[in-house]
Amino acid sequence: MRPIWEGSLSFGLILIPVKLYKATEERKPDFHLVRKDDLCPVKYTRVCKFTGEEIPYDKITHSYEYNKGDYIIFDDEDFQKVYKKRTENIEILEFTGLNEIDPKFYEQPYYLEPAKGASKVYALLREALRRTGKAGVARYVLHNLEHMGILTIDGDILILNQIRFNTEIRQPENLQIPSHENMSEKEIDTAIMLIDQLTLSFKPEDFSDIYSEEIKKAIEEKAKTGKISFEVSEQTEKPGVVVDLMEKLKLSLEEAKKKKNVS
């Protein structure tokens, strides 16, 4: 892996030189756009809206429309002036309990690796987080944008989980959310029993991207034979069909018990 950023992680007056690595990767097959008739590759180009001429990348910069029709240029040097040294530092602002962070704020995980000579202080922070069960709330700048992150541990690795700002979370206005008044205690108890039957320790390795696997299988078959012979179908109920909820809960509970006994 190649680091996407190098700088320091600040912990009080302590600076830990680190390298930042993206912890995720794209899982979908890489399709290319072509013209149907002759398979001519299609590419996206940056063109002037007024003349249609293609514009070289080194001639493109950022602008901001502060009044209708009035723009200011904002280039990389301007961004650097605004953020100053914050582009070189992941600053831990405070510490908090992991259970205090709402999961909807999580956005993107990154691995942190100690730079040369920083192993001891890296390990020191890691072990302190491990023993206290705390997470660091950090602020940093990446790709000309300020971000917030939650610093946690995964085994022996420090993980920086990029989170959304509170202003990025939309308020659930005008949503038609039902109350619990129209259900019986028996229905709730049976639903709880079903949840208990289906409760297991979460193991990410037990789950795979079935859709992408089927797409790859289809690509291989079409490359060999020119067609796709299989079709994956799932049994799903049509929306709006009225069913006996209690009966469905009981049947689901029986199926869950059978699967548990088999495994």
C-alpha atoms as a PDB file:
ATOM      1  CA  MET A   1       0.000   0.000   0.000  1.00  0.00           C
ATOM      2  CA  ARG A   2       1.052   3.573  -0.627  1.00  0.00           C
ATOM      3  CA  PRO A   3       0.403   6.324   1.921  1.00  0.00           C
ATOM      4  CA  ILE A   4      -1.992   9.052   0.794  1.00  0.00           C
ATOM      5  CA  TRP A   5      -0.719  11.529   3.405  1.00  0.00           C
ATOM      6  CA  GLU A   6       2.263  11.969   5.716  1.00  0.00           C
ATOM      7  CA  GLY A   7       2.412  14.222   8.743  1.00  0.00           C
ATOM      8  CA  SER A   8       2.071  14.059  12.510  1.00  0.00           C
ATOM      9  CA  LEU A   9      -0.500  12.942  15.034  1.00  0.00           C
ATOM     10  CA  SER A  10      -0.536  15.366  17.969  1.00  0.00           C
ATOM     11  CA  PHE A  11      -1.286  14.048  21.443  1.00  0.00           C
ATOM     12  CA  GLY A  12      -0.991  16.862  23.980  1.00  0.00           C
ATOM     13  CA  LEU A  13       2.527  18.218  23.425  1.00  0.00           C
ATOM     14  CA  ILE A  14       3.617  14.955  21.782  1.00  0.00           C
ATOM     15  CA  LEU A  15       3.958  14.698  17.993  1.00  0.00           C
ATOM     16  CA  ILE A  16       3.861  11.247  16.415  1.00  0.00           C
ATOM     17  CA  PRO A  17       5.076  11.215  12.782  1.00  0.00           C
ATOM     18  CA  VAL A  18       2.669   8.962  10.882  1.00  0.00           C
ATOM     19  CA  LYS A  19       1.632   7.827   7.413  1.00  0.00           C
ATOM     20  CA  LEU A  20      -2.034   7.603   6.434  1.00  0.00           C
ATOM     21  CA  TYR A  21      -3.376   4.738   4.307  1.00  0.00           C
ATOM     22  CA  LYS A  22      -6.878   4.262   2.956  1.00  0.00           C
ATOM     23  CA  ALA A  23      -8.291   1.168   4.667  1.00  0.00           C
ATOM     24  CA  THR A  24     -10.917   0.335   2.034  1.00  0.00           C
ATOM     25  CA  GLU A  25     -10.959  -0.439  -1.679  1.00  0.00           C
ATOM     26  CA  GLU A  26     -13.518  -0.552  -4.462  1.00  0.00           C
ATOM     27  CA  ARG A  27     -15.226  -3.936  -4.724  1.00  0.00           C
ATOM     28  CA  LYS A  28     -17.141  -3.536  -8.004  1.00  0.00           C
ATOM     29  CA  PRO A  29     -15.756  -4.740 -11.359  1.00  0.00           C
ATOM     30  CA  ASP A  30     -14.086  -2.016 -13.410  1.00  0.00           C
ATOM     31  CA  PHE A  31     -16.347  -1.465 -16.421  1.00  0.00           C
ATOM     32  CA  HIS A  32     -15.404   0.863 -19.294  1.00  0.00           C
ATOM     33  CA  LEU A  33     -17.750   2.953 -21.374  1.00  0.00           C
ATOM     34  CA  VAL A  34     -17.749   2.210 -25.125  1.00  0.00           C
ATOM     35  CA  ARG A  35     -19.921   3.004 -28.149  1.00  0.00           C
ATOM     36  CA  LYS A  36     -22.224   0.052 -28.893  1.00  0.00           C
ATOM     37  CA  ASP A  37     -21.674  -0.029 -32.658  1.00  0.00           C
ATOM     38  CA  ASP A  38     -17.883  -0.340 -32.820  1.00  0.00           C
ATOM     39  CA  LEU A  39     -16.692  -0.534 -29.169  1.00  0.00           C
ATOM     40  CA  CYS A  40     -14.957   2.821 -29.498  1.00  0.00           C
ATOM     41  CA  PRO A  41     -13.782   3.839 -25.976  1.00  0.00           C
ATOM     42  CA  VAL A  42     -15.647   6.776 -24.463  1.00  0.00           C
ATOM     43  CA  LYS A  43     -13.768   9.237 -22.278  1.00  0.00           C
ATOM     44  CA  TYR A  44     -14.811  12.196 -20.167  1.00  0.00           C
ATOM     45  CA  THR A  45     -13.155  15.495 -21.006  1.00  0.00           C
ATOM     46  CA  ARG A  46     -13.115  18.861 -19.271  1.00  0.00           C
ATOM     47  CA  VAL A  47     -14.452  21.413 -21.715  1.00  0.00           C
ATOM     48  CA  CYS A  48     -15.372  25.083 -21.638  1.00  0.00           C
ATOM     49  CA  LYS A  49     -19.154  25.414 -21.383  1.00  0.00           C
ATOM     50  CA  PHE A  50     -19.145  28.409 -23.724  1.00  0.00           C
ATOM     51  CA  THR A  51     -16.816  27.293 -26.546  1.00  0.00           C
ATOM     52  CA  GLY A  52     -16.668  23.497 -26.127  1.00  0.00           C
ATOM     53  CA  GLU A  53     -12.850  23.500 -26.239  1.00  0.00           C
ATOM     54  CA  GLU A  54     -11.014  20.993 -24.072  1.00  0.00           C
ATOM     55  CA  ILE A  55      -9.134  22.539 -21.136  1.00  0.00           C
ATOM     56  CA  PRO A  56      -5.807  21.038 -19.906  1.00  0.00           C
ATOM     57  CA  TYR A  57      -5.825  19.970 -16.274  1.00  0.00           C
ATOM     58  CA  ASP A  58      -3.026  22.409 -15.333  1.00  0.00           C
ATOM     59  CA  LYS A  59      -5.204  25.295 -16.522  1.00  0.00           C
ATOM     60  CA  ILE A  60      -8.086  24.389 -14.190  1.00  0.00           C
ATOM     61  CA  THR A  61      -8.523  25.886 -10.710  1.00  0.00           C
ATOM     62  CA  HIS A  62     -11.310  26.414  -8.167  1.00  0.00           C
ATOM     63  CA  SER A  63     -13.743  29.307  -8.139  1.00  0.00           C
ATOM     64  CA  TYR A  64     -16.546  30.347  -5.800  1.00  0.00           C
ATOM     65  CA  GLU A  65     -19.692  32.235  -6.830  1.00  0.00           C
ATOM     66  CA  TYR A  66     -20.169  34.679  -3.936  1.00  0.00           C
ATOM     67  CA  ASN A  67     -22.809  36.713  -5.803  1.00  0.00           C
ATOM     68  CA  LYS A  68     -24.866  35.712  -8.834  1.00  0.00           C
ATOM     69  CA  GLY A  69     -22.412  35.865 -11.748  1.00  0.00           C
ATOM     70  CA  ASP A  70     -19.522  37.073  -9.563  1.00  0.00           C
ATOM     71  CA  TYR A  71     -16.685  34.575  -8.999  1.00  0.00           C
ATOM     72  CA  ILE A  72     -13.395  34.587  -7.120  1.00  0.00           C
ATOM     73  CA  ILE A  73     -10.469  32.288  -7.886  1.00  0.00           C
ATOM     74  CA  PHE A  74      -9.342  30.035  -5.030  1.00  0.00           C
ATOM     75  CA  ASP A  75      -6.169  28.107  -5.830  1.00  0.00           C
ATOM     76  CA  ASP A  76      -4.023  25.648  -3.866  1.00  0.00           C
ATOM     77  CA  GLU A  77      -1.929  28.448  -2.358  1.00  0.00           C
ATOM     78  CA  ASP A  78      -5.095  30.070  -0.958  1.00  0.00           C
ATOM     79  CA  PHE A  79      -6.165  26.792   0.652  1.00  0.00           C
ATOM     80  CA  GLN A  80      -2.722  26.431   2.235  1.00  0.00           C
ATOM     81  CA  LYS A  81      -2.924  29.929   3.687  1.00  0.00           C
ATOM     82  CA  VAL A  82      -6.317  29.188   5.232  1.00  0.00           C
ATOM     83  CA  TYR A  83      -5.343  25.875   6.789  1.00  0.00           C
ATOM     84  CA  LYS A  84      -1.697  26.781   7.551  1.00  0.00           C
ATOM     85  CA  LYS A  85      -0.027  23.986   9.548  1.00  0.00           C
ATOM     86  CA  ARG A  86      -3.253  22.047   9.984  1.00  0.00           C
ATOM     87  CA  THR A  87      -2.509  20.314   6.670  1.00  0.00           C
ATOM     88  CA  GLU A  88       0.471  18.650   8.348  1.00  0.00           C
ATOM     89  CA  ASN A  89      -1.137  17.583  11.599  1.00  0.00           C
ATOM     90  CA  ILE A  90      -3.890  15.303  12.883  1.00  0.00           C
ATOM     91  CA  GLU A  91      -4.792  17.049  16.132  1.00  0.00           C
ATOM     92  CA  ILE A  92      -6.459  15.047  18.912  1.00  0.00           C
ATOM     93  CA  LEU A  93      -8.848  17.510  20.534  1.00  0.00           C
ATOM     94  CA  GLU A  94     -10.320  15.311  23.275  1.00  0.00           C
ATOM     95  CA  PHE A  95     -11.102  11.725  24.240  1.00  0.00           C
ATOM     96  CA  THR A  96     -14.467  10.025  24.581  1.00  0.00           C
ATOM     97  CA  GLY A  97     -16.107   6.620  25.006  1.00  0.00           C
ATOM     98  CA  LEU A  98     -16.730   4.657  21.817  1.00  0.00           C
ATOM     99  CA  ASN A  99     -20.332   4.024  22.836  1.00  0.00           C
ATOM    100  CA  GLU A 100     -20.958   7.774  22.801  1.00  0.00           C
ATOM    101  CA  ILE A 101     -20.431   8.050  19.030  1.00  0.00           C
ATOM    102  CA  ASP A 102     -23.543   7.593  16.890  1.00  0.00           C
ATOM    103  CA  PRO A 103     -22.736   5.101  14.059  1.00  0.00           C
ATOM    104  CA  LYS A 104     -24.385   7.324  11.436  1.00  0.00           C
ATOM    105  CA  PHE A 105     -21.457   9.748  11.749  1.00  0.00           C
ATOM    106  CA  TYR A 106     -18.865   7.193  10.523  1.00  0.00           C
ATOM    107  CA  GLU A 107     -17.712   7.701   6.927  1.00  0.00           C
ATOM    108  CA  GLN A 108     -14.248   6.354   5.977  1.00  0.00           C
ATOM    109  CA  PRO A 109     -11.544   4.402   7.861  1.00  0.00           C
ATOM    110  CA  TYR A 110      -7.803   4.980   7.469  1.00  0.00           C
ATOM    111  CA  TYR A 111      -4.798   3.034   8.782  1.00  0.00           C
ATOM    112  CA  LEU A 112      -2.080   4.962  10.612  1.00  0.00           C
ATOM    113  CA  GLU A 113       1.509   3.699  10.468  1.00  0.00           C
ATOM    114  CA  PRO A 114       4.334   5.190  12.544  1.00  0.00           C
ATOM    115  CA  ALA A 115       7.048   6.897  10.528  1.00  0.00           C
ATOM    116  CA  LYS A 116      10.708   6.096  11.165  1.00  0.00           C
ATOM    117  CA  GLY A 117      11.667   6.651  14.793  1.00  0.00           C
ATOM    118  CA  ALA A 118       8.061   6.997  16.024  1.00  0.00           C
ATOM    119  CA  SER A 119       7.326   3.370  16.948  1.00  0.00           C
ATOM    120  CA  LYS A 120       7.617   3.769  20.735  1.00  0.00           C
ATOM    121  CA  VAL A 121       5.353   6.792  21.089  1.00  0.00           C
ATOM    122  CA  TYR A 122       2.889   5.255  18.579  1.00  0.00           C
ATOM    123  CA  ALA A 123       2.729   2.106  20.738  1.00  0.00           C
ATOM    124  CA  LEU A 124       2.382   4.247  23.872  1.00  0.00           C
ATOM    125  CA  LEU A 125      -0.747   5.983  22.574  1.00  0.00           C
ATOM    126  CA  ARG A 126      -2.150   2.698  21.287  1.00  0.00           C
ATOM    127  CA  GLU A 127      -1.765   0.939  24.645  1.00  0.00           C
ATOM    128  CA  ALA A 128      -3.203   3.924  26.522  1.00  0.00           C
ATOM    129  CA  LEU A 129      -6.300   3.818  24.293  1.00  0.00           C
ATOM    130  CA  ARG A 130      -6.561   0.054  24.740  1.00  0.00           C
ATOM    131  CA  ARG A 131      -6.424   0.164  28.544  1.00  0.00           C
ATOM    132  CA  THR A 132      -8.769   3.116  28.956  1.00  0.00           C
ATOM    133  CA  GLY A 133     -11.263   1.963  26.305  1.00  0.00           C
ATOM    134  CA  LYS A 134     -11.304   5.541  25.017  1.00  0.00           C
ATOM    135  CA  ALA A 135     -11.254   6.979  21.499  1.00  0.00           C
ATOM    136  CA  GLY A 136      -9.600  10.190  20.357  1.00  0.00           C
ATOM    137  CA  VAL A 137     -11.618  12.928  18.662  1.00  0.00           C
ATOM    138  CA  ALA A 138      -9.342  14.445  16.019  1.00  0.00           C
ATOM    139  CA  ARG A 139      -9.328  17.236  13.474  1.00  0.00           C
ATOM    140  CA  TYR A 140      -7.279  17.269  10.263  1.00  0.00           C
ATOM    141  CA  VAL A 141      -7.175  18.569   6.688  1.00  0.00           C
ATOM    142  CA  LEU A 142      -7.156  16.227   3.688  1.00  0.00           C
ATOM    143  CA  HIS A 143      -7.670  17.099   0.007  1.00  0.00           C
ATOM    144  CA  ASN A 144      -8.260  20.776   0.849  1.00  0.00           C
ATOM    145  CA  LEU A 145     -11.110  19.955   3.230  1.00  0.00           C
ATOM    146  CA  GLU A 146     -11.201  19.907   7.014  1.00  0.00           C
ATOM    147  CA  HIS A 147     -12.414  16.653   8.542  1.00  0.00           C
ATOM    148  CA  MET A 148     -13.204  15.202  11.935  1.00  0.00           C
ATOM    149  CA  GLY A 149     -12.046  11.709  12.855  1.00  0.00           C
ATOM    150  CA  ILE A 150     -12.282   9.162  15.634  1.00  0.00           C
ATOM    151  CA  LEU A 151      -8.973   7.534  16.584  1.00  0.00           C
ATOM    152  CA  THR A 152      -9.392   3.923  17.717  1.00  0.00           C
ATOM    153  CA  ILE A 153      -7.389   0.713  17.734  1.00  0.00           C
ATOM    154  CA  ASP A 154      -7.755  -2.486  15.718  1.00  0.00           C
ATOM    155  CA  GLY A 155      -5.399  -5.086  17.101  1.00  0.00           C
ATOM    156  CA  ASP A 156      -2.048  -3.282  17.087  1.00  0.00           C
ATOM    157  CA  ILE A 157      -3.006  -0.682  14.467  1.00  0.00           C
ATOM    158  CA  LEU A 158      -4.272   2.825  15.096  1.00  0.00           C
ATOM    159  CA  ILE A 159      -7.363   3.505  12.980  1.00  0.00           C
ATOM    160  CA  LEU A 160      -8.575   6.977  12.059  1.00  0.00           C
ATOM    161  CA  ASN A 161     -12.288   6.772  11.269  1.00  0.00           C
ATOM    162  CA  GLN A 162     -13.336   9.849   9.326  1.00  0.00           C
ATOM    163  CA  ILE A 163     -16.718  11.059  10.539  1.00  0.00           C
ATOM    164  CA  ARG A 164     -19.283  13.503   9.238  1.00  0.00           C
ATOM    165  CA  PHE A 165     -19.824  16.888  10.846  1.00  0.00           C
ATOM    166  CA  ASN A 166     -23.110  17.298  12.656  1.00  0.00           C
ATOM    167  CA  THR A 167     -24.209  19.820  10.000  1.00  0.00           C
ATOM    168  CA  GLU A 168     -23.908  17.082   7.335  1.00  0.00           C
ATOM    169  CA  ILE A 169     -26.562  14.911   9.005  1.00  0.00           C
ATOM    170  CA  ARG A 170     -30.029  15.710   7.673  1.00  0.00           C
ATOM    171  CA  GLN A 171     -32.868  16.006  10.156  1.00  0.00           C
ATOM    172  CA  PRO A 172     -35.567  13.327   9.669  1.00  0.00           C
ATOM    173  CA  GLU A 173     -38.335  15.811   8.932  1.00  0.00           C
ATOM    174  CA  ASN A 174     -41.705  14.887   7.386  1.00  0.00           C
ATOM    175  CA  LEU A 175     -41.081  11.141   7.687  1.00  0.00           C
ATOM    176  CA  GLN A 176     -44.104   8.990   8.447  1.00  0.00           C
ATOM    177  CA  ILE A 177     -42.795   6.953  11.400  1.00  0.00           C
ATOM    178  CA  PRO A 178     -45.255   4.525  13.073  1.00  0.00           C
ATOM    179  CA  SER A 179     -45.772   4.268  16.827  1.00  0.00           C
ATOM    180  CA  HIS A 180     -45.889   0.997  18.778  1.00  0.00           C
ATOM    181  CA  GLU A 181     -49.514   1.406  19.842  1.00  0.00           C
ATOM    182  CA  ASN A 182     -50.994  -0.986  17.268  1.00  0.00           C
ATOM    183  CA  MET A 183     -48.994  -4.066  18.239  1.00  0.00           C
ATOM    184  CA  SER A 184     -49.593  -6.579  20.985  1.00  0.00           C
ATOM    185  CA  GLU A 185     -47.171  -7.589  23.718  1.00  0.00           C
ATOM    186  CA  LYS A 186     -47.305 -11.130  22.345  1.00  0.00           C
ATOM    187  CA  GLU A 187     -46.104  -9.924  18.945  1.00  0.00           C
ATOM    188  CA  ILE A 188     -43.265  -7.965  20.549  1.00  0.00           C
ATOM    189  CA  ASP A 189     -42.236 -10.942  22.723  1.00  0.00           C
ATOM    190  CA  THR A 190     -42.200 -13.256  19.680  1.00  0.00           C
ATOM    191  CA  ALA A 191     -40.130 -10.735  17.701  1.00  0.00           C
ATOM    192  CA  ILE A 192     -37.642 -10.600  20.603  1.00  0.00           C
ATOM    193  CA  MET A 193     -37.456 -14.416  20.618  1.00  0.00           C
ATOM    194  CA  LEU A 194     -36.711 -14.344  16.890  1.00  0.00           C
ATOM    195  CA  ILE A 195     -33.947 -11.770  17.437  1.00  0.00           C
ATOM    196  CA  ASP A 196     -32.465 -13.943  20.202  1.00  0.00           C
ATOM    197  CA  GLN A 197     -32.450 -16.977  17.887  1.00  0.00           C
ATOM    198  CA  LEU A 198     -30.677 -15.022  15.141  1.00  0.00           C
ATOM    199  CA  THR A 199     -28.122 -13.397  17.473  1.00  0.00           C
ATOM    200  CA  LEU A 200     -24.485 -14.342  16.787  1.00  0.00           C
ATOM    201  CA  SER A 201     -21.077 -12.757  17.266  1.00  0.00           C
ATOM    202  CA  PHE A 202     -20.419 -10.541  14.255  1.00  0.00           C
ATOM    203  CA  LYS A 203     -17.681 -11.916  11.985  1.00  0.00           C
ATOM    204  CA  PRO A 204     -17.131  -9.794   8.859  1.00  0.00           C
ATOM    205  CA  GLU A 205     -15.387 -12.694   7.120  1.00  0.00           C
ATOM    206  CA  ASP A 206     -18.667 -14.639   7.142  1.00  0.00           C
ATOM    207  CA  PHE A 207     -20.199 -12.199   4.649  1.00  0.00           C
ATOM    208  CA  SER A 208     -19.318 -11.586   1.025  1.00  0.00           C
ATOM    209  CA  ASP A 209     -20.529  -9.333  -1.766  1.00  0.00           C
ATOM    210  CA  ILE A 210     -22.771 -11.837  -3.573  1.00  0.00           C
ATOM    211  CA  TYR A 211     -23.829  -9.395  -6.279  1.00  0.00           C
ATOM    212  CA  SER A 212     -20.259  -8.558  -7.336  1.00  0.00           C
ATOM    213  CA  GLU A 213     -19.363 -12.265  -7.292  1.00  0.00           C
ATOM    214  CA  GLU A 214     -22.300 -13.016  -9.600  1.00  0.00           C
ATOM    215  CA  ILE A 215     -21.277 -10.142 -11.911  1.00  0.00           C
ATOM    216  CA  LYS A 216     -17.735 -11.539 -12.172  1.00  0.00           C
ATOM    217  CA  LYS A 217     -19.138 -15.011 -12.854  1.00  0.00           C
ATOM    218  CA  ALA A 218     -21.365 -13.565 -15.572  1.00  0.00           C
ATOM    219  CA  ILE A 219     -18.411 -11.696 -17.122  1.00  0.00           C
ATOM    220  CA  GLU A 220     -16.362 -14.908 -17.307  1.00  0.00           C
ATOM    221  CA  GLU A 221     -19.253 -16.856 -18.855  1.00  0.00           C
ATOM    222  CA  LYS A 222     -20.101 -14.177 -21.408  1.00  0.00           C
ATOM    223  CA  ALA A 223     -16.419 -13.899 -22.378  1.00  0.00           C
ATOM    224  CA  LYS A 224     -16.346 -17.660 -23.087  1.00  0.00           C
ATOM    225  CA  THR A 225     -19.798 -18.290 -24.596  1.00  0.00           C
ATOM    226  CA  GLY A 226     -21.107 -14.866 -25.585  1.00  0.00           C
ATOM    227  CA  LYS A 227     -24.141 -15.129 -23.300  1.00  0.00           C
ATOM    228  CA  ILE A 228     -25.225 -15.505 -19.682  1.00  0.00           C
ATOM    229  CA  SER A 229     -27.155 -18.691 -18.982  1.00  0.00           C
ATOM    230  CA  PHE A 230     -27.991 -18.251 -15.309  1.00  0.00           C
ATOM    231  CA  GLU A 231     -30.251 -15.837 -13.472  1.00  0.00           C
ATOM    232  CA  VAL A 232     -30.276 -15.311  -9.728  1.00  0.00           C
ATOM    233  CA  SER A 233     -33.769 -14.844  -8.357  1.00  0.00           C
ATOM    234  CA  GLU A 234     -34.884 -14.245  -4.805  1.00  0.00           C
ATOM    235  CA  GLN A 235     -38.256 -15.030  -3.265  1.00  0.00           C
ATOM    236  CA  THR A 236     -39.674 -11.739  -2.109  1.00  0.00           C
ATOM    237  CA  GLU A 237     -43.176 -10.729  -1.192  1.00  0.00           C
ATOM    238  CA  LYS A 238     -44.967  -8.129  -3.223  1.00  0.00           C
ATOM    239  CA  PRO A 239     -45.436  -4.833  -1.379  1.00  0.00           C
ATOM    240  CA  GLY A 240     -48.870  -4.249  -0.004  1.00  0.00           C
ATOM    241  CA  VAL A 241     -49.790  -7.936   0.499  1.00  0.00           C
ATOM    242  CA  VAL A 242     -51.715  -8.344   3.759  1.00  0.00           C
ATOM    243  CA  VAL A 243     -50.312 -11.175   5.919  1.00  0.00           C
ATOM    244  CA  ASP A 244     -50.930 -12.514   9.402  1.00  0.00           C
ATOM    245  CA  LEU A 245     -48.034 -10.887  11.259  1.00  0.00           C
ATOM    246  CA  MET A 246     -48.129 -13.282  14.218  1.00  0.00           C
ATOM    247  CA  GLU A 247     -48.120 -16.301  11.914  1.00  0.00           C
ATOM    248  CA  LYS A 248     -45.156 -14.888  10.015  1.00  0.00           C
ATOM    249  CA  LEU A 249     -43.268 -14.342  13.284  1.00  0.00           C
ATOM    250  CA  LYS A 250     -43.921 -17.929  14.386  1.00  0.00           C
ATOM    251  CA  LEU A 251     -42.814 -19.386  11.046  1.00  0.00           C
ATOM    252  CA  SER A 252     -39.684 -17.219  11.095  1.00  0.00           C
ATOM    253  CA  LEU A 253     -38.892 -18.401  14.619  1.00  0.00           C
ATOM    254  CA  GLU A 254     -39.255 -22.054  13.566  1.00  0.00           C
ATOM    255  CA  GLU A 255     -36.950 -21.524  10.560  1.00  0.00           C
ATOM    256  CA  ALA A 256     -34.365 -19.791  12.755  1.00  0.00           C
ATOM    257  CA  LYS A 257     -34.405 -22.700  15.226  1.00  0.00           C
ATOM    258  CA  LYS A 258     -33.933 -25.236  12.409  1.00  0.00           C
ATOM    259  CA  LYS A 259     -30.946 -23.326  10.975  1.00  0.00           C
ATOM    260  CA  LYS A 260     -29.366 -23.049  14.428  1.00  0.00           C
ATOM    261  CA  ASN A 261     -29.742 -26.789  15.032  1.00  0.00           C
ATOM    262  CA  VAL A 262     -28.203 -27.591  11.641  1.00  0.00           C
ATOM    263  CA  SER A 263     -25.195 -25.337  12.233  1.00  0.00           C
END
